[in-house]
Amino acid sequence: MFVIDNKTGCRFLTVDAYLNAVPFYEKNGFRFMNAEDDDPHTRLMYFDLMDLVA
């Protein structure tokens, strides 16, 4: 849906991932938003939708 004729204006997906879900997101191409994130329960992560077309 986002790859062909994208007119949504959406580029990034963001999640506030629980620590036990981080491996799932990493496996699916999400990256950490910053290295200084020190929340004991969650990590901020993002996925760049442009990676799907490159």
PDB file of N, CA and C in Angstrom:
ATOM      1  N   MET A   1       0.822  -1.180   0.000  1.00  0.00           N
ATOM      2  CA  MET A   1       0.000   0.000   0.000  1.00  0.00           C
ATOM      3  C   MET A   1       0.873   1.253   0.000  1.00  0.00           C
ATOM      4  N   PHE A   2       1.964   1.258   0.772  1.00  0.00           N
ATOM      5  CA  PHE A   2       2.813   2.433   0.853  1.00  0.00           C
ATOM      6  C   PHE A   2       3.821   2.503  -0.289  1.00  0.00           C
ATOM      7  N   VAL A   3       4.123   1.378  -0.905  1.00  0.00           N
ATOM      8  CA  VAL A   3       5.198   1.333  -1.891  1.00  0.00           C
ATOM      9  C   VAL A   3       4.761   1.898  -3.237  1.00  0.00           C
ATOM     10  N   ILE A   4       3.569   1.586  -3.675  1.00  0.00           N
ATOM     11  CA  ILE A   4       3.114   1.992  -4.997  1.00  0.00           C
ATOM     12  C   ILE A   4       2.159   3.180  -4.874  1.00  0.00           C
ATOM     13  N   ASP A   5       2.492   4.260  -5.581  1.00  0.00           N
ATOM     14  CA  ASP A   5       1.644   5.450  -5.637  1.00  0.00           C
ATOM     15  C   ASP A   5       1.332   5.988  -4.234  1.00  0.00           C
ATOM     16  N   ASN A   6       2.369   6.128  -3.426  1.00  0.00           N
ATOM     17  CA  ASN A   6       2.215   6.588  -2.044  1.00  0.00           C
ATOM     18  C   ASN A   6       1.841   8.061  -2.011  1.00  0.00           C
ATOM     19  N   LYS A   7       0.663   8.360  -1.523  1.00  0.00           N
ATOM     20  CA  LYS A   7       0.218   9.736  -1.372  1.00  0.00           C
ATOM     21  C   LYS A   7      -0.177  10.027   0.074  1.00  0.00           C
ATOM     22  N   THR A   8       0.289   9.203   1.001  1.00  0.00           N
ATOM     23  CA  THR A   8      -0.112   9.351   2.386  1.00  0.00           C
ATOM     24  C   THR A   8       0.714  10.379   3.143  1.00  0.00           C
ATOM     25  N   GLY A   9       1.929  10.630   2.695  1.00  0.00           N
ATOM     26  CA  GLY A   9       2.798  11.554   3.415  1.00  0.00           C
ATOM     27  C   GLY A   9       3.439  10.917   4.631  1.00  0.00           C
ATOM     28  N   CYS A  10       3.440   9.618   4.698  1.00  0.00           N
ATOM     29  CA  CYS A  10       3.997   8.892   5.834  1.00  0.00           C
ATOM     30  C   CYS A  10       5.363   8.342   5.448  1.00  0.00           C
ATOM     31  N   ARG A  11       6.375   8.574   6.300  1.00  0.00           N
ATOM     32  CA  ARG A  11       7.708   8.061   5.993  1.00  0.00           C
ATOM     33  C   ARG A  11       8.228   7.142   7.086  1.00  0.00           C
ATOM     34  N   PHE A  12       7.943   7.434   8.347  1.00  0.00           N
ATOM     35  CA  PHE A  12       8.489   6.666   9.458  1.00  0.00           C
ATOM     36  C   PHE A  12       7.379   6.057  10.304  1.00  0.00           C
ATOM     37  N   LEU A  13       7.628   4.823  10.770  1.00  0.00           N
ATOM     38  CA  LEU A  13       6.792   4.207  11.794  1.00  0.00           C
ATOM     39  C   LEU A  13       7.582   4.284  13.090  1.00  0.00           C
ATOM     40  N   THR A  14       6.942   4.662  14.166  1.00  0.00           N
ATOM     41  CA  THR A  14       7.624   4.710  15.459  1.00  0.00           C
ATOM     42  C   THR A  14       6.885   3.848  16.464  1.00  0.00           C
ATOM     43  N   VAL A  15       7.647   3.266  17.370  1.00  0.00           N
ATOM     44  CA  VAL A  15       7.065   2.461  18.443  1.00  0.00           C
ATOM     45  C   VAL A  15       7.778   2.774  19.753  1.00  0.00           C
ATOM     46  N   ASP A  16       7.065   2.610  20.818  1.00  0.00           N
ATOM     47  CA  ASP A  16       7.626   2.671  22.157  1.00  0.00           C
ATOM     48  C   ASP A  16       7.602   1.219  22.647  1.00  0.00           C
ATOM     49  N   ALA A  17       8.647   0.475  22.291  1.00  0.00           N
ATOM     50  CA  ALA A  17       8.651  -0.979  22.447  1.00  0.00           C
ATOM     51  C   ALA A  17       8.983  -1.405  23.876  1.00  0.00           C
ATOM     52  N   TYR A  18       8.192  -2.326  24.399  1.00  0.00           N
ATOM     53  CA  TYR A  18       8.548  -2.952  25.670  1.00  0.00           C
ATOM     54  C   TYR A  18       9.866  -3.686  25.486  1.00  0.00           C
ATOM     55  N   LEU A  19      10.670  -3.757  26.525  1.00  0.00           N
ATOM     56  CA  LEU A  19      11.998  -4.348  26.416  1.00  0.00           C
ATOM     57  C   LEU A  19      11.974  -5.780  25.900  1.00  0.00           C
ATOM     58  N   ASN A  20      10.966  -6.560  26.305  1.00  0.00           N
ATOM     59  CA  ASN A  20      10.916  -7.945  25.834  1.00  0.00           C
ATOM     60  C   ASN A  20      10.476  -8.051  24.371  1.00  0.00           C
ATOM     61  N   ALA A  21       9.976  -6.956  23.774  1.00  0.00           N
ATOM     62  CA  ALA A  21       9.570  -6.959  22.367  1.00  0.00           C
ATOM     63  C   ALA A  21      10.654  -6.389  21.450  1.00  0.00           C
ATOM     64  N   VAL A  22      11.714  -5.829  22.010  1.00  0.00           N
ATOM     65  CA  VAL A  22      12.774  -5.213  21.208  1.00  0.00           C
ATOM     66  C   VAL A  22      13.363  -6.184  20.178  1.00  0.00           C
ATOM     67  N   PRO A  23      13.662  -7.435  20.523  1.00  0.00           N
ATOM     68  CA  PRO A  23      14.203  -8.350  19.507  1.00  0.00           C
ATOM     69  C   PRO A  23      13.271  -8.541  18.308  1.00  0.00           C
ATOM     70  N   PHE A  24      11.979  -8.564  18.539  1.00  0.00           N
ATOM     71  CA  PHE A  24      11.012  -8.680  17.447  1.00  0.00           C
ATOM     72  C   PHE A  24      11.131  -7.492  16.497  1.00  0.00           C
ATOM     73  N   TYR A  25      11.163  -6.295  17.049  1.00  0.00           N
ATOM     74  CA  TYR A  25      11.257  -5.102  16.214  1.00  0.00           C
ATOM     75  C   TYR A  25      12.596  -5.032  15.486  1.00  0.00           C
ATOM     76  N   GLU A  26      13.680  -5.381  16.160  1.00  0.00           N
ATOM     77  CA  GLU A  26      14.995  -5.380  15.509  1.00  0.00           C
ATOM     78  C   GLU A  26      15.017  -6.360  14.334  1.00  0.00           C
ATOM     79  N   LYS A  27      14.424  -7.536  14.541  1.00  0.00           N
ATOM     80  CA  LYS A  27      14.371  -8.555  13.491  1.00  0.00           C
ATOM     81  C   LYS A  27      13.595  -8.059  12.272  1.00  0.00           C
ATOM     82  N   ASN A  28      12.666  -7.145  12.496  1.00  0.00           N
ATOM     83  CA  ASN A  28      11.839  -6.616  11.418  1.00  0.00           C
ATOM     84  C   ASN A  28      12.315  -5.257  10.897  1.00  0.00           C
ATOM     85  N   GLY A  29      13.559  -4.900  11.208  1.00  0.00           N
ATOM     86  CA  GLY A  29      14.162  -3.722  10.607  1.00  0.00           C
ATOM     87  C   GLY A  29      14.041  -2.424  11.368  1.00  0.00           C
ATOM     88  N   PHE A  30      13.460  -2.446  12.549  1.00  0.00           N
ATOM     89  CA  PHE A  30      13.370  -1.226  13.346  1.00  0.00           C
ATOM     90  C   PHE A  30      14.736  -0.914  13.954  1.00  0.00           C
ATOM     91  N   ARG A  31      15.010   0.369  14.140  1.00  0.00           N
ATOM     92  CA  ARG A  31      16.264   0.818  14.744  1.00  0.00           C
ATOM     93  C   ARG A  31      15.957   1.685  15.952  1.00  0.00           C
ATOM     94  N   PHE A  32      16.931   1.768  16.854  1.00  0.00           N
ATOM     95  CA  PHE A  32      16.759   2.604  18.038  1.00  0.00           C
ATOM     96  C   PHE A  32      16.783   4.074  17.640  1.00  0.00           C
ATOM     97  N   MET A  33      15.905   4.852  18.248  1.00  0.00           N
ATOM     98  CA  MET A  33      15.840   6.262  17.923  1.00  0.00           C
ATOM     99  C   MET A  33      17.049   7.012  18.475  1.00  0.00           C
ATOM    100  N   ASN A  34      17.528   6.618  19.651  1.00  0.00           N
ATOM    101  CA  ASN A  34      18.737   7.226  20.202  1.00  0.00           C
ATOM    102  C   ASN A  34      19.385   6.274  21.194  1.00  0.00           C
ATOM    103  N   ALA A  35      20.668   6.466  21.398  1.00  0.00           N
ATOM    104  CA  ALA A  35      21.423   5.576  22.282  1.00  0.00           C
ATOM    105  C   ALA A  35      21.260   5.948  23.750  1.00  0.00           C
ATOM    106  N   GLU A  36      20.811   7.168  24.017  1.00  0.00           N
ATOM    107  CA  GLU A  36      20.703   7.634  25.404  1.00  0.00           C
ATOM    108  C   GLU A  36      19.363   7.290  26.061  1.00  0.00           C
ATOM    109  N   ASP A  37      18.520   6.584  25.356  1.00  0.00           N
ATOM    110  CA  ASP A  37      17.206   6.207  25.884  1.00  0.00           C
ATOM    111  C   ASP A  37      17.405   5.297  27.090  1.00  0.00           C
ATOM    112  N   ASP A  38      17.056   5.772  28.284  1.00  0.00           N
ATOM    113  CA  ASP A  38      17.330   4.996  29.503  1.00  0.00           C
ATOM    114  C   ASP A  38      16.076   4.615  30.278  1.00  0.00           C
ATOM    115  N   ASP A  39      14.933   4.577  29.606  1.00  0.00           N
ATOM    116  CA  ASP A  39      13.699   4.156  30.259  1.00  0.00           C
ATOM    117  C   ASP A  39      13.834   2.687  30.643  1.00  0.00           C
ATOM    118  N   PRO A  40      13.519   2.334  31.878  1.00  0.00           N
ATOM    119  CA  PRO A  40      13.685   0.939  32.312  1.00  0.00           C
ATOM    120  C   PRO A  40      12.636  -0.028  31.758  1.00  0.00           C
ATOM    121  N   HIS A  41      11.605   0.497  31.081  1.00  0.00           N
ATOM    122  CA  HIS A  41      10.523  -0.372  30.616  1.00  0.00           C
ATOM    123  C   HIS A  41      10.379  -0.435  29.098  1.00  0.00           C
ATOM    124  N   THR A  42      10.753   0.629  28.397  1.00  0.00           N
ATOM    125  CA  THR A  42      10.534   0.691  26.949  1.00  0.00           C
ATOM    126  C   THR A  42      11.730   1.327  26.244  1.00  0.00           C
ATOM    127  N   ARG A  43      11.777   1.114  24.906  1.00  0.00           N
ATOM    128  CA  ARG A  43      12.782   1.764  24.055  1.00  0.00           C
ATOM    129  C   ARG A  43      12.062   2.390  22.869  1.00  0.00           C
ATOM    130  N   LEU A  44      12.477   3.586  22.500  1.00  0.00           N
ATOM    131  CA  LEU A  44      11.927   4.253  21.324  1.00  0.00           C
ATOM    132  C   LEU A  44      12.625   3.703  20.084  1.00  0.00           C
ATOM    133  N   MET A  45      11.821   3.264  19.103  1.00  0.00           N
ATOM    134  CA  MET A  45      12.371   2.680  17.882  1.00  0.00           C
ATOM    135  C   MET A  45      11.610   3.221  16.686  1.00  0.00           C
ATOM    136  N   TYR A  46      12.259   3.146  15.504  1.00  0.00           N
ATOM    137  CA  TYR A  46      11.616   3.623  14.285  1.00  0.00           C
ATOM    138  C   TYR A  46      11.948   2.704  13.111  1.00  0.00           C
ATOM    139  N   PHE A  47      11.099   2.782  12.096  1.00  0.00           N
ATOM    140  CA  PHE A  47      11.320   2.076  10.834  1.00  0.00           C
ATOM    141  C   PHE A  47      11.117   3.075   9.716  1.00  0.00           C
ATOM    142  N   ASP A  48      12.087   3.166   8.809  1.00  0.00           N
ATOM    143  CA  ASP A  48      12.005   4.077   7.667  1.00  0.00           C
ATOM    144  C   ASP A  48      11.342   3.336   6.506  1.00  0.00           C
ATOM    145  N   LEU A  49      10.171   3.792   6.105  1.00  0.00           N
ATOM    146  CA  LEU A  49       9.424   3.135   5.029  1.00  0.00           C
ATOM    147  C   LEU A  49      10.156   3.229   3.693  1.00  0.00           C
ATOM    148  N   MET A  50      11.088   4.155   3.552  1.00  0.00           N
ATOM    149  CA  MET A  50      11.872   4.237   2.316  1.00  0.00           C
ATOM    150  C   MET A  50      12.750   3.005   2.135  1.00  0.00           C
ATOM    151  N   ASP A  51      13.042   2.292   3.216  1.00  0.00           N
ATOM    152  CA  ASP A  51      13.807   1.043   3.111  1.00  0.00           C
ATOM    153  C   ASP A  51      13.062  -0.008   2.294  1.00  0.00           C
ATOM    154  N   LEU A  52      11.744   0.112   2.177  1.00  0.00           N
ATOM    155  CA  LEU A  52      10.951  -0.847   1.413  1.00  0.00           C
ATOM    156  C   LEU A  52      11.097  -0.652  -0.080  1.00  0.00           C
ATOM    157  N   VAL A  53      11.427   0.558  -0.521  1.00  0.00           N
ATOM    158  CA  VAL A  53      11.530   0.829  -1.947  1.00  0.00           C
ATOM    159  C   VAL A  53      12.966   0.901  -2.433  1.00  0.00           C
ATOM    160  N   ALA A  54      13.909   0.962  -1.516  1.00  0.00           N
ATOM    161  CA  ALA A  54      15.331   1.075  -1.909  1.00  0.00           C
ATOM    162  C   ALA A  54      15.924  -0.283  -2.210  1.00  0.00           C
TER     163      ALA A  54
END
